[in-house]
Amino acid sequence: MALGRRKDETQELWVATTDVARSPGHPFYRALNELLREGGFDRWVEKRCGAYYAKGGRRGIPPGVYFRMIFIGYFEGIGSQRGIAWRCSDSLSLREFLGMDATQRTPDHSSLTVIRQRLPIEVFYEVFTFVLELAEKQGFFRGKLAGIDATLLEANAAMKSIVRRDTGDAWKEYVRQLASEEGVEIEDDDDLRRFDKKRKNKKVSNKEWKSATDPDSRIMRMKDGRTHLSYKAEHAIDLETDLAIAAEIYFGDESDGNTIARTARRAQEQVIQIVGQDLLRDVVADKGYHKAQTLVDLGGQGLRSYIPEREEKYERRWTDKPEEQEKAYRANRRRVLGARNKKLQRLRSEYTERSFAHTCETGAGRRSWLHGLEEVRKRHLALVAGRNLGVIMRKVFGFGTPRSMQDLASLFIKLRTVLSCLSRTLRMPSAPSARIGVACAA
């Protein structure tokens, strides 16, 4: 056999477009493209975004391509825009999903940033609503029962970047000042670290500190015990269909009791826009949301709350509180003590936690690579819209992600192998069990 030689990379090669290798495409992305095509997604989003582009000049990247790349980030589990851009440029099947041939360059990460900053937050809300309208056209949108829960997202900022809100001093300057006030001499950074390690009351407050790189982020303790700058993501999930009907981003230190009414209001607006009337009646949440004024606010929106009470040492006293709070409190207690609440709480725990597992873990949305509350909200809305597309795909085609389809194909191959082995065994004449084992191994 002769020695093979690799072609010179500097030599230009001209190939006819008819000779370029074509990808057979990915069945999942082909089905997803068909779903978006039937809904008229591309023409709709181009018309909606046309006002934010110049009338003349070089044609920009189609908005439909941009949102498809964000959906790819969810389905492929890629959190950063650089990773999404590289994956799209490297895959022929994803190029087909984006509608680009072999002679076109896929958008790079900087182009994704420019498009995201150009489009206002209202466009992302409308894309989110468009996906829910696709579900309504397929006949499985309900919007009567919502489960609400929240989780923390890691901000794209380090604790080392925090500065004082009053003076603007960084952490090292602050500790040096404390050492100077106590009469401790600091010669180098090692002395500074030793002094900082031994001193007491080292807790930091959001009222006194902020991030120099991302002022909207807040210092919070994550579920794994780490202290990190973060945002709060709150989802309202349709407990009958598993669709997210609202996805909001708040400051990390906003309490659950203060944000649930806003999230429920957003969910009501989505339902009204999709079906033409307010069908949402019940809101289910965990005990972290229990607050007397919150129950009043939900009741004022025409919603029945199912929120368990926190464990308290003393009985509540209503002599110094408004009468409406006591009425809302006791009405919520009657509902919570009923048999229906147990079923609703099980559904809430299952569906809301599943939505966070999909968007934050497998969808790589736990870490935000953007700065600012509005930018993080844009990205998260597009991510949850991709998650809703996955729910629609699962209900219509039987699989919700490309990976689940690969698992199904792998299971089919294993099943076919077992059936082939069994058929060969049955065709063989009666033989000892050892011979059957050899046939199956073959």
Protein backbone atom coordinates (compact mmCIF):
# COMPACT_ATOMS: atom_id res chain seq x y z
CA MET A 1 0.00 0.00 0.00
CA ALA A 2 1.41 3.38 -0.98
CA LEU A 3 1.92 6.23 1.47
CA GLY A 4 -1.04 8.58 1.66
CA ARG A 5 -0.28 12.29 1.63
CA ARG A 6 -2.42 14.96 3.22
CA LYS A 7 -3.42 17.82 0.94
CA ASP A 8 -1.75 21.18 1.41
CA GLU A 9 -4.08 23.43 3.45
CA THR A 10 -2.79 26.55 1.69
CA GLN A 11 -3.78 25.25 -1.75
CA GLU A 12 -7.12 26.60 -2.92
CA LEU A 13 -9.61 23.94 -3.90
CA TRP A 14 -12.58 24.61 -6.17
CA VAL A 15 -15.47 22.20 -5.82
CA ALA A 16 -18.80 22.35 -7.60
CA THR A 17 -21.71 22.85 -5.25
CA THR A 18 -23.32 19.73 -6.67
CA ASP A 19 -20.29 17.71 -5.51
CA VAL A 20 -20.34 18.97 -1.90
CA ALA A 21 -21.26 16.28 0.62
CA ARG A 22 -24.80 16.62 1.89
CA SER A 23 -25.91 15.75 5.40
CA PRO A 24 -28.89 13.43 5.74
CA GLY A 25 -30.04 15.80 8.51
CA HIS A 26 -31.13 15.04 12.03
CA PRO A 27 -34.69 13.65 12.31
CA PHE A 28 -35.36 15.72 15.44
CA TYR A 29 -34.31 19.04 13.93
CA ARG A 30 -36.13 18.25 10.69
CA ALA A 31 -39.33 17.65 12.64
CA LEU A 32 -38.76 20.83 14.66
CA ASN A 33 -38.22 22.82 11.47
CA GLU A 34 -41.46 21.43 10.10
CA LEU A 35 -43.27 22.47 13.28
CA LEU A 36 -41.91 26.03 13.04
CA ARG A 37 -42.65 26.18 9.30
CA GLU A 38 -46.28 25.17 9.82
CA GLY A 39 -46.62 27.91 12.42
CA GLY A 40 -45.07 30.52 10.11
CA PHE A 41 -42.36 31.36 12.61
CA ASP A 42 -39.77 32.87 10.25
CA ARG A 43 -42.10 35.26 8.43
CA TRP A 44 -43.71 36.30 11.69
CA VAL A 45 -40.46 37.03 13.54
CA GLU A 46 -38.95 38.85 10.53
CA LYS A 47 -41.99 41.10 10.35
CA ARG A 48 -41.88 41.69 14.12
CA CYS A 49 -38.16 42.58 14.16
CA GLY A 50 -38.13 44.64 10.95
CA ALA A 51 -38.53 47.95 12.80
CA TYR A 52 -35.18 47.46 14.58
CA TYR A 53 -33.12 47.10 11.37
CA ALA A 54 -31.99 49.70 8.85
CA LYS A 55 -33.93 50.02 5.59
CA GLY A 56 -30.83 49.70 3.38
CA GLY A 57 -27.32 48.29 3.45
CA ARG A 58 -25.98 44.77 3.81
CA ARG A 59 -28.56 42.21 4.83
CA GLY A 60 -28.17 41.04 8.39
CA ILE A 61 -28.68 37.65 9.97
CA PRO A 62 -32.35 36.59 9.85
CA PRO A 63 -33.99 36.72 13.30
CA GLY A 64 -35.27 33.18 12.77
CA VAL A 65 -31.66 31.98 12.55
CA TYR A 66 -30.75 33.79 15.76
CA PHE A 67 -33.58 32.23 17.78
CA ARG A 68 -32.88 28.80 16.27
CA MET A 69 -29.30 29.06 17.53
CA ILE A 70 -30.57 29.84 21.03
CA PHE A 71 -32.85 26.81 20.81
CA ILE A 72 -29.84 24.73 19.74
CA GLY A 73 -28.05 25.87 22.89
CA TYR A 74 -30.88 24.40 24.95
CA PHE A 75 -31.23 21.14 23.02
CA GLU A 76 -27.46 20.52 22.83
CA GLY A 77 -26.76 21.63 26.41
CA ILE A 78 -24.45 24.54 25.47
CA GLY A 79 -24.54 27.58 27.75
CA SER A 80 -22.20 30.07 26.09
CA GLN A 81 -22.70 31.85 22.78
CA ARG A 82 -19.18 30.90 21.69
CA GLY A 83 -20.01 27.25 22.17
CA ILE A 84 -23.28 27.57 20.26
CA ALA A 85 -21.56 29.34 17.34
CA TRP A 86 -18.80 26.71 17.15
CA ARG A 87 -21.29 23.81 17.30
CA CYS A 88 -23.42 25.27 14.51
CA SER A 89 -20.42 25.88 12.25
CA ASP A 90 -19.15 22.33 12.81
CA SER A 91 -22.36 20.37 12.23
CA LEU A 92 -23.92 19.78 8.82
CA SER A 93 -27.26 18.78 10.33
CA LEU A 94 -27.43 22.00 12.37
CA ARG A 95 -26.54 23.98 9.25
CA GLU A 96 -29.55 22.42 7.58
CA PHE A 97 -31.69 23.32 10.60
CA LEU A 98 -30.53 26.94 10.29
CA GLY A 99 -31.21 26.93 6.54
CA MET A 100 -27.57 27.48 5.51
CA ASP A 101 -25.70 25.64 2.78
CA ALA A 102 -22.03 24.67 2.69
CA THR A 103 -20.96 27.98 1.10
CA GLN A 104 -22.41 30.16 3.88
CA ARG A 105 -20.76 31.03 7.16
CA THR A 106 -22.81 30.53 10.30
CA PRO A 107 -23.10 33.52 12.66
CA ASP A 108 -20.32 33.92 15.22
CA HIS A 109 -20.82 34.73 18.89
CA SER A 110 -20.36 38.48 18.44
CA SER A 111 -23.22 38.55 15.93
CA LEU A 112 -25.47 36.85 18.48
CA THR A 113 -24.57 39.56 20.99
CA VAL A 114 -25.34 42.36 18.54
CA ILE A 115 -28.75 40.90 17.67
CA ARG A 116 -29.67 40.31 21.32
CA GLN A 117 -28.75 43.87 22.27
CA ARG A 118 -30.64 45.29 19.28
CA LEU A 119 -33.92 43.53 19.99
CA PRO A 120 -35.97 44.80 22.97
CA ILE A 121 -37.26 42.56 25.72
CA GLU A 122 -40.79 42.74 24.26
CA VAL A 123 -39.69 40.70 21.23
CA PHE A 124 -38.45 37.88 23.47
CA TYR A 125 -41.74 37.88 25.37
CA GLU A 126 -43.62 37.65 22.06
CA VAL A 127 -41.45 34.77 20.84
CA PHE A 128 -42.19 33.01 24.15
CA THR A 129 -45.92 33.59 23.54
CA PHE A 130 -45.63 32.39 19.93
CA VAL A 131 -44.35 29.01 21.11
CA LEU A 132 -47.29 28.72 23.53
CA GLU A 133 -49.63 29.52 20.64
CA LEU A 134 -48.09 26.60 18.74
CA ALA A 135 -49.03 24.38 21.67
CA GLU A 136 -52.57 25.79 21.64
CA LYS A 137 -52.88 25.00 17.91
CA GLN A 138 -51.82 21.43 18.66
CA GLY A 139 -54.68 21.24 21.16
CA PHE A 140 -52.97 20.66 24.49
CA PHE A 141 -52.70 24.11 26.07
CA ARG A 142 -54.87 24.49 29.19
CA GLY A 143 -53.78 27.45 31.34
CA LYS A 144 -56.13 26.79 34.28
CA LEU A 145 -53.73 25.54 36.94
CA ALA A 146 -50.22 26.93 37.57
CA GLY A 147 -47.43 25.78 39.84
CA ILE A 148 -44.86 28.43 40.74
CA ASP A 149 -41.35 27.91 42.06
CA ALA A 150 -37.97 29.64 41.86
CA THR A 151 -34.27 28.84 41.70
CA LEU A 152 -31.01 30.80 41.70
CA LEU A 153 -28.87 31.35 38.61
CA GLU A 154 -25.16 32.04 38.83
CA ALA A 155 -24.30 35.51 37.56
CA ASN A 156 -21.32 36.17 35.30
CA ALA A 157 -19.41 37.87 38.10
CA ALA A 158 -17.01 36.70 40.80
CA MET A 159 -17.08 37.51 44.49
CA LYS A 160 -13.64 39.02 44.03
CA SER A 161 -15.23 41.82 42.02
CA ILE A 162 -17.46 43.16 44.80
CA VAL A 163 -16.94 46.75 45.96
CA ARG A 164 -18.43 48.92 48.69
CA ARG A 165 -21.57 50.78 47.66
CA ASP A 166 -20.66 53.87 49.70
CA THR A 167 -16.95 54.29 48.95
CA GLY A 168 -16.32 52.02 45.95
CA ASP A 169 -13.42 50.29 47.76
CA ALA A 170 -12.59 46.73 46.72
CA TRP A 171 -12.33 43.89 49.24
CA LYS A 172 -8.58 44.21 49.79
CA GLU A 173 -8.75 47.94 50.42
CA TYR A 174 -11.62 47.37 52.85
CA VAL A 175 -9.69 44.72 54.81
CA ARG A 176 -6.55 46.92 54.88
CA GLN A 177 -8.61 49.72 56.36
CA LEU A 178 -9.96 47.37 59.05
CA ALA A 179 -6.42 46.24 59.86
CA SER A 180 -5.25 49.84 60.09
CA GLU A 181 -8.08 50.69 62.49
CA GLU A 182 -7.05 47.77 64.73
CA GLY A 183 -3.37 48.69 64.58
CA VAL A 184 -2.29 45.60 62.63
CA GLU A 185 0.59 46.13 60.21
CA ILE A 186 0.05 44.61 56.75
CA GLU A 187 3.19 44.21 54.61
CA ASP A 188 1.98 41.95 51.78
CA ASP A 189 -1.00 39.96 50.57
CA ASP A 190 -0.10 36.99 52.78
CA ASP A 191 -0.46 39.16 55.88
CA LEU A 192 -3.74 40.47 54.50
CA ARG A 193 -5.14 36.96 53.99
CA ARG A 194 -4.09 35.85 57.47
CA PHE A 195 -5.74 38.86 59.05
CA ASP A 196 -8.89 38.35 56.99
CA LYS A 197 -9.05 34.67 57.93
CA LYS A 198 -8.80 35.28 61.68
CA ARG A 199 -11.18 38.21 62.03
CA LYS A 200 -14.85 37.73 62.94
CA ASN A 201 -18.11 38.97 61.37
CA LYS A 202 -17.00 38.43 57.77
CA LYS A 203 -20.52 38.33 56.35
CA VAL A 204 -21.26 40.62 53.43
CA SER A 205 -24.58 42.34 52.79
CA ASN A 206 -26.20 43.37 49.53
CA LYS A 207 -27.00 46.72 51.16
CA GLU A 208 -23.28 47.42 51.57
CA TRP A 209 -21.66 45.54 48.67
CA LYS A 210 -22.22 45.20 44.92
CA SER A 211 -20.41 43.69 41.96
CA ALA A 212 -18.25 46.10 39.97
CA THR A 213 -18.84 44.13 36.75
CA ASP A 214 -22.55 43.27 37.18
CA PRO A 215 -24.30 45.64 39.62
CA ASP A 216 -27.68 43.91 39.11
CA SER A 217 -26.44 40.62 40.56
CA ARG A 218 -26.89 39.88 44.26
CA ILE A 219 -24.83 37.99 46.82
CA MET A 220 -26.70 34.79 47.70
CA ARG A 221 -26.04 31.37 49.15
CA MET A 222 -26.60 28.68 46.54
CA LYS A 223 -28.22 25.31 47.22
CA ASP A 224 -24.83 23.57 47.34
CA GLY A 225 -23.66 25.92 50.12
CA ARG A 226 -21.47 28.21 48.00
CA THR A 227 -21.81 31.97 48.18
CA HIS A 228 -22.15 33.41 44.70
CA LEU A 229 -23.46 36.44 42.86
CA SER A 230 -26.76 35.39 41.37
CA TYR A 231 -30.20 36.13 39.91
CA LYS A 232 -33.52 34.50 40.70
CA ALA A 233 -35.48 32.64 38.01
CA GLU A 234 -39.17 31.99 38.71
CA HIS A 235 -41.32 29.73 36.53
CA ALA A 236 -45.09 29.31 36.32
CA ILE A 237 -45.82 25.82 34.96
CA ASP A 238 -49.11 24.56 33.59
CA LEU A 239 -49.68 21.53 35.83
CA GLU A 240 -51.87 19.86 33.21
CA THR A 241 -49.52 20.05 30.22
CA ASP A 242 -46.01 20.69 31.68
CA LEU A 243 -45.69 23.90 29.63
CA ALA A 244 -44.04 26.97 31.16
CA ILE A 245 -46.57 29.79 30.83
CA ALA A 246 -44.33 32.40 32.48
CA ALA A 247 -40.58 32.69 33.12
CA GLU A 248 -39.35 35.74 35.02
CA ILE A 249 -35.93 36.89 36.23
CA TYR A 250 -35.65 38.94 39.43
CA PHE A 251 -32.88 40.25 41.64
CA GLY A 252 -31.44 37.40 43.65
CA ASP A 253 -32.38 38.84 47.04
CA GLU A 254 -36.07 39.45 46.26
CA SER A 255 -38.20 37.26 48.51
CA ASP A 256 -40.53 34.67 47.02
CA GLY A 257 -43.53 36.27 48.71
CA ASN A 258 -42.89 39.54 46.89
CA THR A 259 -42.47 38.09 43.38
CA ILE A 260 -45.15 35.39 43.09
CA ALA A 261 -47.95 37.90 42.42
CA ARG A 262 -45.97 39.45 39.53
CA THR A 263 -45.22 36.05 38.03
CA ALA A 264 -48.88 35.03 38.36
CA ARG A 265 -49.90 38.28 36.66
CA ARG A 266 -47.55 37.55 33.78
CA ALA A 267 -49.02 34.04 33.50
CA GLN A 268 -52.54 35.49 33.37
CA GLU A 269 -51.52 37.88 30.60
CA GLN A 270 -50.06 35.01 28.59
CA VAL A 271 -53.24 32.94 28.95
CA ILE A 272 -55.44 35.88 27.93
CA GLN A 273 -53.29 36.56 24.87
CA ILE A 274 -53.39 32.93 23.74
CA VAL A 275 -56.99 31.83 24.39
CA GLY A 276 -58.70 35.23 24.62
CA GLN A 277 -59.90 34.91 28.22
CA ASP A 278 -58.46 34.54 31.71
CA LEU A 279 -58.72 30.83 32.49
CA LEU A 280 -56.08 30.75 35.23
CA ARG A 281 -57.77 30.15 38.57
CA ASP A 282 -55.46 28.15 40.86
CA VAL A 283 -51.87 28.89 41.91
CA VAL A 284 -49.84 26.27 43.78
CA ALA A 285 -46.56 27.04 45.57
CA ASP A 286 -44.46 25.80 48.49
CA LYS A 287 -44.40 27.24 52.01
CA GLY A 288 -41.59 29.66 51.17
CA TYR A 289 -44.21 31.77 49.39
CA HIS A 290 -46.61 31.98 52.34
CA LYS A 291 -47.21 35.59 53.32
CA ALA A 292 -50.46 37.25 54.37
CA GLN A 293 -50.21 40.17 51.96
CA THR A 294 -49.22 37.80 49.15
CA LEU A 295 -52.43 35.81 49.69
CA VAL A 296 -54.39 39.07 49.51
CA ASP A 297 -52.68 40.08 46.27
CA LEU A 298 -53.37 36.71 44.64
CA GLY A 299 -57.01 36.87 45.72
CA GLY A 300 -57.27 40.35 44.23
CA GLN A 301 -56.15 38.89 40.90
CA GLY A 302 -59.00 36.37 41.03
CA LEU A 303 -56.68 33.45 41.94
CA ARG A 304 -57.11 30.74 44.54
CA SER A 305 -53.86 30.02 46.37
CA TYR A 306 -52.65 26.63 47.57
CA ILE A 307 -49.65 27.62 49.71
CA PRO A 308 -48.79 25.62 52.87
CA GLU A 309 -48.03 27.56 56.03
CA ARG A 310 -44.63 27.82 57.65
CA GLU A 311 -44.13 26.19 61.03
CA GLU A 312 -44.60 28.85 63.70
CA LYS A 313 -44.12 28.66 67.45
CA TYR A 314 -47.02 30.94 68.28
CA GLU A 315 -50.57 31.32 67.03
CA ARG A 316 -51.18 34.24 64.68
CA ARG A 317 -52.86 37.32 66.11
CA TRP A 318 -55.05 39.47 63.87
CA THR A 319 -55.93 42.36 66.17
CA ASP A 320 -53.38 44.70 64.56
CA LYS A 321 -53.73 43.50 60.95
CA PRO A 322 -56.21 44.30 58.16
CA GLU A 323 -59.32 42.14 58.01
CA GLU A 324 -58.66 41.21 54.38
CA GLN A 325 -55.40 39.50 55.38
CA GLU A 326 -57.18 37.27 57.92
CA LYS A 327 -59.85 36.32 55.36
CA ALA A 328 -57.26 35.45 52.72
CA TYR A 329 -55.20 33.52 55.29
CA ARG A 330 -58.12 31.38 56.49
CA ALA A 331 -59.39 30.73 52.95
CA ASN A 332 -55.93 29.52 51.94
CA ARG A 333 -55.78 27.31 55.06
CA ARG A 334 -59.12 25.65 54.18
CA ARG A 335 -57.85 24.84 50.70
CA VAL A 336 -54.51 23.54 51.95
CA LEU A 337 -56.17 21.20 54.45
CA GLY A 338 -58.34 19.71 51.69
CA ALA A 339 -57.59 16.50 49.80
CA ARG A 340 -57.03 18.32 46.50
CA ASN A 341 -53.99 20.16 47.86
CA LYS A 342 -51.97 16.95 48.25
CA LYS A 343 -52.43 16.09 44.59
CA LEU A 344 -51.60 19.63 43.49
CA GLN A 345 -48.47 19.78 45.62
CA ARG A 346 -47.20 16.53 44.11
CA LEU A 347 -47.77 17.90 40.63
CA ARG A 348 -46.08 21.20 41.53
CA SER A 349 -43.04 19.45 42.94
CA GLU A 350 -42.73 17.23 39.86
CA TYR A 351 -43.33 19.75 37.08
CA THR A 352 -41.59 22.84 38.45
CA GLU A 353 -38.47 20.94 39.49
CA ARG A 354 -38.45 19.24 36.09
CA SER A 355 -38.53 22.61 34.34
CA PHE A 356 -35.47 23.78 36.30
CA ALA A 357 -33.70 20.49 35.64
CA HIS A 358 -34.31 20.89 31.90
CA THR A 359 -33.40 24.58 31.57
CA CYS A 360 -30.65 24.88 34.18
CA GLU A 361 -28.95 21.47 34.14
CA THR A 362 -29.37 19.64 30.81
CA GLY A 363 -30.09 22.93 29.04
CA ALA A 364 -26.94 24.55 30.52
CA GLY A 365 -28.81 27.59 31.81
CA ARG A 366 -27.63 27.54 35.42
CA ARG A 367 -24.73 29.88 34.67
CA SER A 368 -25.54 33.17 33.00
CA TRP A 369 -22.81 34.49 30.71
CA LEU A 370 -24.41 37.94 30.40
CA HIS A 371 -24.46 41.11 32.50
CA GLY A 372 -27.57 42.98 33.57
CA LEU A 373 -31.06 41.95 34.63
CA GLU A 374 -32.66 42.63 31.25
CA GLU A 375 -30.02 40.76 29.24
CA VAL A 376 -30.27 37.74 31.53
CA ARG A 377 -34.07 37.89 31.19
CA LYS A 378 -33.84 37.88 27.39
CA ARG A 379 -31.60 34.84 27.37
CA HIS A 380 -33.71 32.95 29.88
CA LEU A 381 -36.97 33.65 28.03
CA ALA A 382 -35.50 32.23 24.81
CA LEU A 383 -34.17 29.23 26.75
CA VAL A 384 -37.55 28.43 28.32
CA ALA A 385 -39.20 28.92 24.91
CA GLY A 386 -36.86 26.21 23.62
CA ARG A 387 -37.89 24.04 26.54
CA ASN A 388 -41.56 24.52 25.61
CA LEU A 389 -40.73 23.50 22.04
CA GLY A 390 -39.25 20.32 23.49
CA VAL A 391 -42.50 19.65 25.37
CA ILE A 392 -44.49 20.14 22.16
CA MET A 393 -42.13 17.83 20.25
CA ARG A 394 -42.47 15.17 22.94
CA LYS A 395 -46.27 15.28 22.78
CA VAL A 396 -46.47 15.39 18.97
CA PHE A 397 -43.54 13.19 17.86
CA GLY A 398 -42.73 11.21 21.00
CA PHE A 399 -39.29 12.66 21.78
CA GLY A 400 -38.42 16.05 23.24
CA THR A 401 -34.67 16.37 22.65
CA PRO A 402 -32.13 15.02 20.14
CA ARG A 403 -30.47 13.09 22.94
CA SER A 404 -33.67 11.32 23.92
CA MET A 405 -34.09 10.34 20.28
CA GLN A 406 -30.57 8.92 20.27
CA ASP A 407 -31.39 6.91 23.39
CA LEU A 408 -34.48 5.59 21.62
CA ALA A 409 -32.43 4.64 18.57
CA SER A 410 -29.86 2.92 20.80
CA LEU A 411 -32.63 0.96 22.51
CA PHE A 412 -34.03 -0.04 19.11
CA ILE A 413 -30.60 -1.31 17.99
CA LYS A 414 -30.21 -3.36 21.18
CA LEU A 415 -33.71 -4.78 20.79
CA ARG A 416 -33.02 -5.68 17.15
CA THR A 417 -29.79 -7.43 18.19
CA VAL A 418 -31.60 -9.46 20.84
CA LEU A 419 -34.38 -10.44 18.42
CA SER A 420 -31.83 -11.42 15.78
CA CYS A 421 -29.98 -13.55 18.32
CA LEU A 422 -33.23 -15.16 19.43
CA SER A 423 -34.28 -15.94 15.86
CA ARG A 424 -30.93 -17.62 15.12
CA THR A 425 -31.28 -19.66 18.30
CA LEU A 426 -34.78 -20.83 17.40
CA ARG A 427 -33.65 -21.91 13.91
CA MET A 428 -30.88 -24.11 15.38
CA PRO A 429 -31.59 -27.81 16.10
CA SER A 430 -31.93 -28.86 19.72
CA ALA A 431 -28.56 -28.45 21.33
CA PRO A 432 -27.00 -28.06 24.75
CA SER A 433 -27.41 -24.69 26.45
CA ALA A 434 -23.72 -23.94 25.93
CA ARG A 435 -24.25 -23.98 22.14
CA ILE A 436 -27.13 -21.54 22.52
CA GLY A 437 -24.89 -19.25 24.58
CA VAL A 438 -22.25 -19.34 21.82
CA ALA A 439 -24.87 -18.47 19.20
CA CYS A 440 -26.09 -15.49 21.21
CA ALA A 441 -22.55 -14.28 21.76
CA ALA A 442 -21.95 -14.42 18.01
